[in-house]
């Protein structure tokens, strides 16, 4: 897999039947290593090992309903009270982040009401802070460290 615009992390990777799998410490299982999963695992490591987010508050690849349609978010970080602190949308490195990507995370966040958003393809990262009361968002240079 290609190098991404994240710090270097150590991953557990195995080969089975000529397919590569990467260990997901949140789901506690090996998952098929595809380009988007490579980005997702870098995000999780970034949150845990660089930003000090507790693993216990991170959820990966869970279903949600958006306009009565089943969708899956990539990564969510919860606040200790159960509200959502951060919603992350991951794309494969070869996928250009464009308006449709921001529209997708906005639809998900309409349901989830996260305080912060992150969109990444592993090479480019975008961060936003939400102002739900005024239905606005502000782009940030980075996401905050976890400090609770």
N, C-alpha and C. Protein backbone atom coordinates (compact mmCIF):
# COMPACT_ATOMS: atom_id res chain seq x y z
N UNK A 1 0.84 -1.19 0.00
CA UNK A 1 0.00 0.00 0.00
C UNK A 1 0.88 1.25 0.00
N UNK A 2 0.35 2.30 -0.57
CA UNK A 2 1.13 3.52 -0.70
C UNK A 2 1.26 4.27 0.62
N UNK A 3 2.33 5.05 0.75
CA UNK A 3 2.53 5.90 1.92
C UNK A 3 1.48 7.00 1.92
N UNK A 4 0.96 7.31 3.10
CA UNK A 4 -0.07 8.33 3.23
C UNK A 4 0.46 9.53 4.01
N UNK A 5 -0.28 10.60 4.00
CA UNK A 5 0.09 11.83 4.68
C UNK A 5 -0.33 11.76 6.15
N UNK A 6 0.21 10.79 6.86
CA UNK A 6 0.02 10.58 8.29
C UNK A 6 1.38 10.20 8.86
N UNK A 7 1.54 10.29 10.18
CA UNK A 7 2.77 9.74 10.76
C UNK A 7 2.88 8.25 10.45
N UNK A 8 4.07 7.70 10.53
CA UNK A 8 4.27 6.26 10.30
C UNK A 8 3.74 5.48 11.51
N UNK A 9 2.95 4.47 11.24
CA UNK A 9 2.41 3.60 12.28
C UNK A 9 2.73 2.16 11.95
N UNK A 10 2.69 1.33 12.97
CA UNK A 10 2.91 -0.10 12.80
C UNK A 10 1.55 -0.80 12.75
N UNK A 11 1.36 -1.63 11.74
CA UNK A 11 0.10 -2.34 11.56
C UNK A 11 0.34 -3.84 11.54
N UNK A 12 -0.66 -4.60 11.97
CA UNK A 12 -0.62 -6.06 11.85
C UNK A 12 -1.32 -6.42 10.55
N UNK A 13 -0.57 -7.04 9.65
CA UNK A 13 -1.12 -7.43 8.35
C UNK A 13 -0.86 -8.91 8.14
N UNK A 14 -1.84 -9.60 7.62
CA UNK A 14 -1.67 -11.03 7.32
C UNK A 14 -2.14 -11.30 5.90
N UNK A 15 -1.64 -12.40 5.35
CA UNK A 15 -2.01 -12.83 4.01
C UNK A 15 -2.77 -14.15 4.13
N UNK A 16 -3.92 -14.21 3.50
CA UNK A 16 -4.71 -15.43 3.51
C UNK A 16 -5.36 -15.58 2.14
N UNK A 17 -5.11 -16.72 1.52
CA UNK A 17 -5.65 -17.01 0.19
C UNK A 17 -5.36 -15.89 -0.80
N UNK A 18 -4.10 -15.44 -0.78
CA UNK A 18 -3.60 -14.38 -1.67
C UNK A 18 -4.32 -13.04 -1.50
N UNK A 19 -4.88 -12.81 -0.34
CA UNK A 19 -5.49 -11.52 -0.02
C UNK A 19 -4.87 -11.01 1.27
N UNK A 20 -4.69 -9.70 1.35
CA UNK A 20 -4.10 -9.09 2.53
C UNK A 20 -5.19 -8.58 3.45
N UNK A 21 -4.97 -8.76 4.75
CA UNK A 21 -5.88 -8.32 5.78
C UNK A 21 -5.11 -7.49 6.80
N UNK A 22 -5.78 -6.48 7.36
CA UNK A 22 -5.19 -5.62 8.36
C UNK A 22 -6.01 -5.73 9.64
N UNK A 23 -5.31 -5.73 10.77
CA UNK A 23 -6.03 -5.87 12.04
C UNK A 23 -6.60 -4.52 12.45
N UNK A 24 -7.89 -4.51 12.73
CA UNK A 24 -8.59 -3.32 13.21
C UNK A 24 -8.73 -3.46 14.73
N UNK A 25 -8.00 -2.63 15.47
CA UNK A 25 -8.02 -2.68 16.92
C UNK A 25 -9.32 -2.23 17.54
N UNK A 26 -10.14 -1.54 16.80
CA UNK A 26 -11.45 -1.11 17.31
C UNK A 26 -12.46 -2.25 17.15
N UNK A 27 -12.52 -2.83 15.95
CA UNK A 27 -13.43 -3.95 15.70
C UNK A 27 -12.87 -5.26 16.22
N UNK A 28 -11.57 -5.25 16.58
CA UNK A 28 -10.87 -6.42 17.12
C UNK A 28 -10.93 -7.63 16.19
N UNK A 29 -10.66 -7.35 14.90
CA UNK A 29 -10.62 -8.44 13.92
C UNK A 29 -9.82 -7.98 12.70
N UNK A 30 -9.40 -8.95 11.90
CA UNK A 30 -8.74 -8.65 10.64
C UNK A 30 -9.80 -8.33 9.60
N UNK A 31 -9.56 -7.29 8.82
CA UNK A 31 -10.48 -6.90 7.75
C UNK A 31 -9.70 -6.81 6.45
N UNK A 32 -10.39 -7.02 5.35
CA UNK A 32 -9.75 -7.00 4.04
C UNK A 32 -9.06 -5.65 3.81
N UNK A 33 -7.81 -5.71 3.42
CA UNK A 33 -7.02 -4.49 3.22
C UNK A 33 -7.25 -3.97 1.81
N UNK A 34 -8.10 -2.97 1.72
CA UNK A 34 -8.36 -2.27 0.46
C UNK A 34 -7.90 -0.82 0.66
N UNK A 35 -7.77 -0.04 -0.40
CA UNK A 35 -7.26 1.32 -0.25
C UNK A 35 -8.01 2.18 0.76
N UNK A 36 -9.34 2.13 0.78
CA UNK A 36 -10.08 2.92 1.76
C UNK A 36 -9.84 2.43 3.19
N UNK A 37 -9.71 1.12 3.34
CA UNK A 37 -9.43 0.57 4.68
C UNK A 37 -8.05 0.99 5.16
N UNK A 38 -7.09 1.09 4.26
CA UNK A 38 -5.75 1.56 4.58
C UNK A 38 -5.83 2.98 5.17
N UNK A 39 -6.63 3.82 4.55
CA UNK A 39 -6.84 5.19 5.04
C UNK A 39 -7.55 5.14 6.39
N UNK A 40 -8.61 4.35 6.50
CA UNK A 40 -9.38 4.26 7.75
C UNK A 40 -8.49 3.84 8.92
N UNK A 41 -7.63 2.86 8.70
CA UNK A 41 -6.76 2.40 9.78
C UNK A 41 -5.72 3.45 10.16
N UNK A 42 -5.26 4.22 9.20
CA UNK A 42 -4.36 5.33 9.51
C UNK A 42 -5.08 6.39 10.35
N UNK A 43 -6.33 6.66 10.01
CA UNK A 43 -7.12 7.63 10.78
C UNK A 43 -7.26 7.15 12.22
N UNK A 44 -7.62 5.89 12.41
CA UNK A 44 -7.79 5.36 13.76
C UNK A 44 -6.48 5.47 14.55
N UNK A 45 -5.37 5.09 13.93
CA UNK A 45 -4.08 5.20 14.61
C UNK A 45 -3.73 6.66 14.91
N UNK A 46 -4.03 7.55 13.99
CA UNK A 46 -3.80 8.98 14.19
C UNK A 46 -4.59 9.47 15.41
N UNK A 47 -5.86 9.10 15.48
CA UNK A 47 -6.69 9.53 16.59
C UNK A 47 -6.20 8.97 17.93
N UNK A 48 -5.83 7.69 17.95
CA UNK A 48 -5.44 7.03 19.19
C UNK A 48 -4.01 7.39 19.60
N UNK A 49 -3.07 7.27 18.68
CA UNK A 49 -1.66 7.39 19.05
C UNK A 49 -1.09 8.80 18.91
N UNK A 50 -1.69 9.63 18.08
CA UNK A 50 -1.19 11.00 17.90
C UNK A 50 -2.05 12.00 18.65
N UNK A 51 -3.36 11.82 18.63
CA UNK A 51 -4.28 12.78 19.25
C UNK A 51 -4.82 12.32 20.61
N UNK A 52 -4.45 11.13 21.04
CA UNK A 52 -4.80 10.60 22.38
C UNK A 52 -6.30 10.41 22.60
N UNK A 53 -7.03 10.07 21.56
CA UNK A 53 -8.45 9.77 21.71
C UNK A 53 -8.56 8.35 22.28
N UNK A 54 -9.40 8.13 23.30
CA UNK A 54 -9.53 6.79 23.87
C UNK A 54 -10.18 5.82 22.88
N UNK A 55 -9.59 4.65 22.74
CA UNK A 55 -10.15 3.61 21.86
C UNK A 55 -11.59 3.30 22.22
N UNK A 56 -11.88 3.35 23.51
CA UNK A 56 -13.22 2.99 23.98
C UNK A 56 -14.31 3.93 23.48
N UNK A 57 -13.93 5.11 22.99
CA UNK A 57 -14.91 6.07 22.49
C UNK A 57 -14.96 6.13 20.97
N UNK A 58 -14.24 5.22 20.31
CA UNK A 58 -14.18 5.21 18.85
C UNK A 58 -15.01 4.05 18.30
N UNK A 59 -15.75 4.32 17.25
CA UNK A 59 -16.57 3.33 16.57
C UNK A 59 -16.19 3.36 15.09
N UNK A 60 -16.14 2.20 14.46
CA UNK A 60 -15.72 2.10 13.05
C UNK A 60 -16.77 1.32 12.26
N UNK A 61 -17.11 1.88 11.07
CA UNK A 61 -17.97 1.18 10.11
C UNK A 61 -19.27 0.67 10.71
N UNK A 62 -20.08 1.58 11.17
CA UNK A 62 -21.39 1.21 11.70
C UNK A 62 -22.48 1.78 10.82
N UNK A 63 -23.62 1.11 10.86
CA UNK A 63 -24.75 1.50 10.02
C UNK A 63 -25.52 2.67 10.64
N UNK A 64 -26.03 3.52 9.77
CA UNK A 64 -26.96 4.56 10.19
C UNK A 64 -28.01 4.71 9.10
N UNK A 65 -29.12 5.30 9.45
CA UNK A 65 -30.18 5.54 8.47
C UNK A 65 -30.15 7.01 8.05
N UNK A 66 -30.08 7.23 6.74
CA UNK A 66 -30.11 8.58 6.17
C UNK A 66 -31.25 8.58 5.16
N UNK A 67 -32.29 9.36 5.44
CA UNK A 67 -33.48 9.38 4.58
C UNK A 67 -34.02 7.98 4.33
N UNK A 68 -34.11 7.21 5.40
CA UNK A 68 -34.63 5.83 5.38
C UNK A 68 -33.78 4.87 4.56
N UNK A 69 -32.55 5.29 4.22
CA UNK A 69 -31.63 4.42 3.49
C UNK A 69 -30.49 4.01 4.43
N UNK A 70 -30.09 2.74 4.35
CA UNK A 70 -28.99 2.26 5.17
C UNK A 70 -27.66 2.73 4.59
N UNK A 71 -26.88 3.38 5.43
CA UNK A 71 -25.53 3.86 5.07
C UNK A 71 -24.58 3.41 6.15
N UNK A 72 -23.27 3.55 5.90
CA UNK A 72 -22.27 3.21 6.89
C UNK A 72 -21.30 4.37 7.03
N UNK A 73 -21.08 4.80 8.26
CA UNK A 73 -20.06 5.82 8.47
C UNK A 73 -18.71 5.13 8.65
N UNK A 74 -17.64 5.86 8.42
CA UNK A 74 -16.30 5.30 8.55
C UNK A 74 -15.82 5.27 9.99
N UNK A 75 -15.74 6.44 10.62
CA UNK A 75 -15.25 6.53 11.99
C UNK A 75 -16.06 7.59 12.74
N UNK A 76 -16.42 7.26 13.97
CA UNK A 76 -17.07 8.20 14.87
C UNK A 76 -16.32 8.15 16.20
N UNK A 77 -16.12 9.33 16.79
CA UNK A 77 -15.58 9.42 18.15
C UNK A 77 -16.66 10.03 19.02
N UNK A 78 -17.00 9.34 20.09
CA UNK A 78 -18.03 9.80 21.00
C UNK A 78 -17.44 10.64 22.12
N UNK A 79 -18.24 11.54 22.65
CA UNK A 79 -17.94 12.19 23.92
C UNK A 79 -18.30 11.21 25.02
N UNK A 80 -17.76 11.39 26.23
CA UNK A 80 -18.13 10.48 27.32
C UNK A 80 -19.62 10.44 27.61
N UNK A 81 -20.37 11.50 27.28
CA UNK A 81 -21.82 11.51 27.52
C UNK A 81 -22.62 10.81 26.42
N UNK A 82 -21.93 10.28 25.40
CA UNK A 82 -22.60 9.55 24.33
C UNK A 82 -22.90 10.39 23.10
N UNK A 83 -22.78 11.70 23.19
CA UNK A 83 -22.94 12.54 22.00
C UNK A 83 -21.71 12.35 21.11
N UNK A 84 -21.82 12.80 19.88
CA UNK A 84 -20.73 12.56 18.93
C UNK A 84 -19.81 13.77 18.85
N UNK A 85 -18.54 13.50 19.07
CA UNK A 85 -17.51 14.54 19.04
C UNK A 85 -16.98 14.74 17.63
N UNK A 86 -16.69 13.63 16.92
CA UNK A 86 -16.04 13.69 15.62
C UNK A 86 -16.61 12.64 14.68
N UNK A 87 -16.92 13.05 13.46
CA UNK A 87 -17.35 12.15 12.38
C UNK A 87 -16.30 12.23 11.29
N UNK A 88 -15.80 11.07 10.84
CA UNK A 88 -14.75 11.02 9.82
C UNK A 88 -15.26 10.28 8.59
N UNK A 89 -15.05 10.87 7.43
CA UNK A 89 -15.34 10.22 6.15
C UNK A 89 -14.00 9.93 5.47
N UNK A 90 -13.77 8.66 5.16
CA UNK A 90 -12.52 8.24 4.51
C UNK A 90 -12.79 7.85 3.07
N UNK A 91 -11.89 8.24 2.21
CA UNK A 91 -11.91 7.84 0.81
C UNK A 91 -10.56 7.20 0.50
N UNK A 92 -10.51 6.40 -0.55
CA UNK A 92 -9.26 5.81 -1.00
C UNK A 92 -8.33 6.92 -1.50
N UNK A 93 -7.02 6.70 -1.43
CA UNK A 93 -6.07 7.73 -1.85
C UNK A 93 -6.29 8.24 -3.27
N UNK A 94 -6.76 7.40 -4.17
CA UNK A 94 -6.98 7.81 -5.56
C UNK A 94 -8.27 8.57 -5.80
N UNK A 95 -9.10 8.70 -4.76
CA UNK A 95 -10.39 9.38 -4.89
C UNK A 95 -10.21 10.85 -4.56
N UNK A 96 -10.63 11.71 -5.47
CA UNK A 96 -10.55 13.15 -5.24
C UNK A 96 -11.64 13.57 -4.28
N UNK A 97 -11.26 14.37 -3.29
CA UNK A 97 -12.25 14.92 -2.37
C UNK A 97 -12.88 16.13 -3.05
N UNK A 98 -14.19 16.05 -3.25
CA UNK A 98 -14.88 17.13 -3.95
C UNK A 98 -16.19 17.45 -3.21
N UNK A 99 -17.03 18.24 -3.83
CA UNK A 99 -18.27 18.66 -3.19
C UNK A 99 -19.15 17.47 -2.81
N UNK A 100 -19.14 16.43 -3.63
CA UNK A 100 -19.98 15.27 -3.31
C UNK A 100 -19.54 14.59 -2.01
N UNK A 101 -18.23 14.63 -1.72
CA UNK A 101 -17.73 14.06 -0.47
C UNK A 101 -18.24 14.88 0.72
N UNK A 102 -18.18 16.20 0.59
CA UNK A 102 -18.69 17.06 1.66
C UNK A 102 -20.20 16.93 1.80
N UNK A 103 -20.90 16.75 0.70
CA UNK A 103 -22.35 16.54 0.75
C UNK A 103 -22.67 15.24 1.49
N UNK A 104 -21.87 14.20 1.24
CA UNK A 104 -22.08 12.91 1.90
C UNK A 104 -21.93 13.04 3.41
N UNK A 105 -20.83 13.64 3.86
CA UNK A 105 -20.62 13.75 5.31
C UNK A 105 -21.66 14.68 5.93
N UNK A 106 -22.10 15.68 5.19
CA UNK A 106 -23.15 16.58 5.70
C UNK A 106 -24.46 15.82 5.90
N UNK A 107 -24.81 14.92 4.97
CA UNK A 107 -26.03 14.11 5.13
C UNK A 107 -25.91 13.21 6.36
N UNK A 108 -24.75 12.59 6.53
CA UNK A 108 -24.54 11.73 7.70
C UNK A 108 -24.62 12.56 8.98
N UNK A 109 -24.01 13.75 8.94
CA UNK A 109 -23.97 14.56 10.16
C UNK A 109 -25.33 15.16 10.49
N UNK A 110 -26.19 15.29 9.52
CA UNK A 110 -27.55 15.74 9.80
C UNK A 110 -28.22 14.79 10.80
N UNK A 111 -27.92 13.50 10.66
CA UNK A 111 -28.46 12.49 11.56
C UNK A 111 -27.65 12.39 12.86
N UNK A 112 -26.33 12.53 12.77
CA UNK A 112 -25.45 12.25 13.91
C UNK A 112 -25.15 13.46 14.79
N UNK A 113 -25.19 14.68 14.21
CA UNK A 113 -24.97 15.91 14.97
C UNK A 113 -23.60 15.95 15.66
N UNK A 114 -22.55 15.66 14.92
CA UNK A 114 -21.19 15.71 15.44
C UNK A 114 -20.72 17.16 15.61
N UNK A 115 -19.82 17.37 16.56
CA UNK A 115 -19.23 18.69 16.78
C UNK A 115 -18.15 19.01 15.74
N UNK A 116 -17.42 17.98 15.32
CA UNK A 116 -16.32 18.15 14.36
C UNK A 116 -16.46 17.15 13.23
N UNK A 117 -15.97 17.53 12.05
CA UNK A 117 -15.95 16.66 10.88
C UNK A 117 -14.53 16.58 10.36
N UNK A 118 -14.18 15.41 9.82
CA UNK A 118 -12.90 15.22 9.14
C UNK A 118 -13.19 14.45 7.86
N UNK A 119 -12.63 14.94 6.76
CA UNK A 119 -12.73 14.26 5.47
C UNK A 119 -11.30 14.04 5.00
N UNK A 120 -10.98 12.80 4.61
CA UNK A 120 -9.62 12.51 4.17
C UNK A 120 -9.59 11.41 3.13
N UNK A 121 -8.60 11.51 2.24
CA UNK A 121 -8.29 10.41 1.33
C UNK A 121 -6.88 9.89 1.64
N UNK A 122 -6.39 10.23 2.80
CA UNK A 122 -5.07 9.81 3.23
C UNK A 122 -3.96 10.76 2.80
N UNK A 123 -4.23 11.53 1.77
CA UNK A 123 -3.24 12.49 1.28
C UNK A 123 -3.64 13.92 1.66
N UNK A 124 -4.94 14.20 1.54
CA UNK A 124 -5.48 15.51 1.91
C UNK A 124 -6.46 15.31 3.06
N UNK A 125 -6.40 16.22 4.04
CA UNK A 125 -7.28 16.16 5.19
C UNK A 125 -7.98 17.50 5.34
N UNK A 126 -9.28 17.44 5.58
CA UNK A 126 -10.07 18.64 5.82
C UNK A 126 -10.79 18.48 7.16
N UNK A 127 -10.79 19.55 7.94
CA UNK A 127 -11.39 19.53 9.27
C UNK A 127 -12.37 20.69 9.39
N UNK A 128 -13.51 20.43 10.03
CA UNK A 128 -14.52 21.48 10.25
C UNK A 128 -15.04 21.39 11.67
N UNK A 129 -15.39 22.55 12.21
CA UNK A 129 -16.11 22.61 13.47
C UNK A 129 -17.54 23.05 13.14
N UNK A 130 -18.50 22.36 13.69
CA UNK A 130 -19.90 22.63 13.40
C UNK A 130 -20.48 23.65 14.37
N UNK A 131 -21.35 24.50 13.86
CA UNK A 131 -22.16 25.41 14.66
C UNK A 131 -23.60 25.05 14.30
N UNK A 132 -24.16 24.08 15.02
CA UNK A 132 -25.49 23.56 14.69
C UNK A 132 -26.57 24.61 14.89
N UNK A 133 -26.43 25.46 15.89
CA UNK A 133 -27.46 26.46 16.17
C UNK A 133 -27.64 27.42 14.99
N UNK A 134 -26.54 27.77 14.34
CA UNK A 134 -26.60 28.71 13.21
C UNK A 134 -26.47 28.02 11.86
N UNK A 135 -26.44 26.67 11.87
CA UNK A 135 -26.32 25.87 10.65
C UNK A 135 -25.13 26.32 9.80
N UNK A 136 -23.97 26.45 10.47
CA UNK A 136 -22.74 26.85 9.81
C UNK A 136 -21.61 25.93 10.21
N UNK A 137 -20.51 26.02 9.49
CA UNK A 137 -19.31 25.29 9.87
C UNK A 137 -18.11 26.18 9.57
N UNK A 138 -17.03 25.90 10.27
CA UNK A 138 -15.78 26.63 10.09
C UNK A 138 -14.68 25.63 9.79
N UNK A 139 -13.93 25.87 8.73
CA UNK A 139 -12.78 25.01 8.44
C UNK A 139 -11.68 25.29 9.45
N UNK A 140 -11.01 24.24 9.88
CA UNK A 140 -9.92 24.33 10.85
C UNK A 140 -8.63 23.81 10.22
N UNK A 141 -7.50 24.19 10.82
CA UNK A 141 -6.21 23.67 10.35
C UNK A 141 -5.99 22.24 10.83
N UNK A 142 -6.64 21.87 11.93
CA UNK A 142 -6.45 20.55 12.52
C UNK A 142 -7.65 20.27 13.44
N UNK A 143 -7.75 19.04 13.89
CA UNK A 143 -8.77 18.72 14.89
C UNK A 143 -8.12 18.83 16.26
N UNK A 144 -8.91 19.10 17.27
CA UNK A 144 -8.32 19.22 18.62
C UNK A 144 -7.88 17.87 19.17
N UNK A 145 -6.88 17.92 20.04
CA UNK A 145 -6.52 16.72 20.79
C UNK A 145 -7.68 16.36 21.70
N UNK A 146 -7.73 15.11 22.10
CA UNK A 146 -8.76 14.70 23.05
C UNK A 146 -8.28 15.10 24.43
N UNK A 147 -9.05 15.88 25.14
CA UNK A 147 -8.57 16.42 26.42
C UNK A 147 -9.54 16.22 27.57
N UNK A 148 -10.37 15.20 27.48
CA UNK A 148 -11.34 14.99 28.58
C UNK A 148 -10.88 13.88 29.48
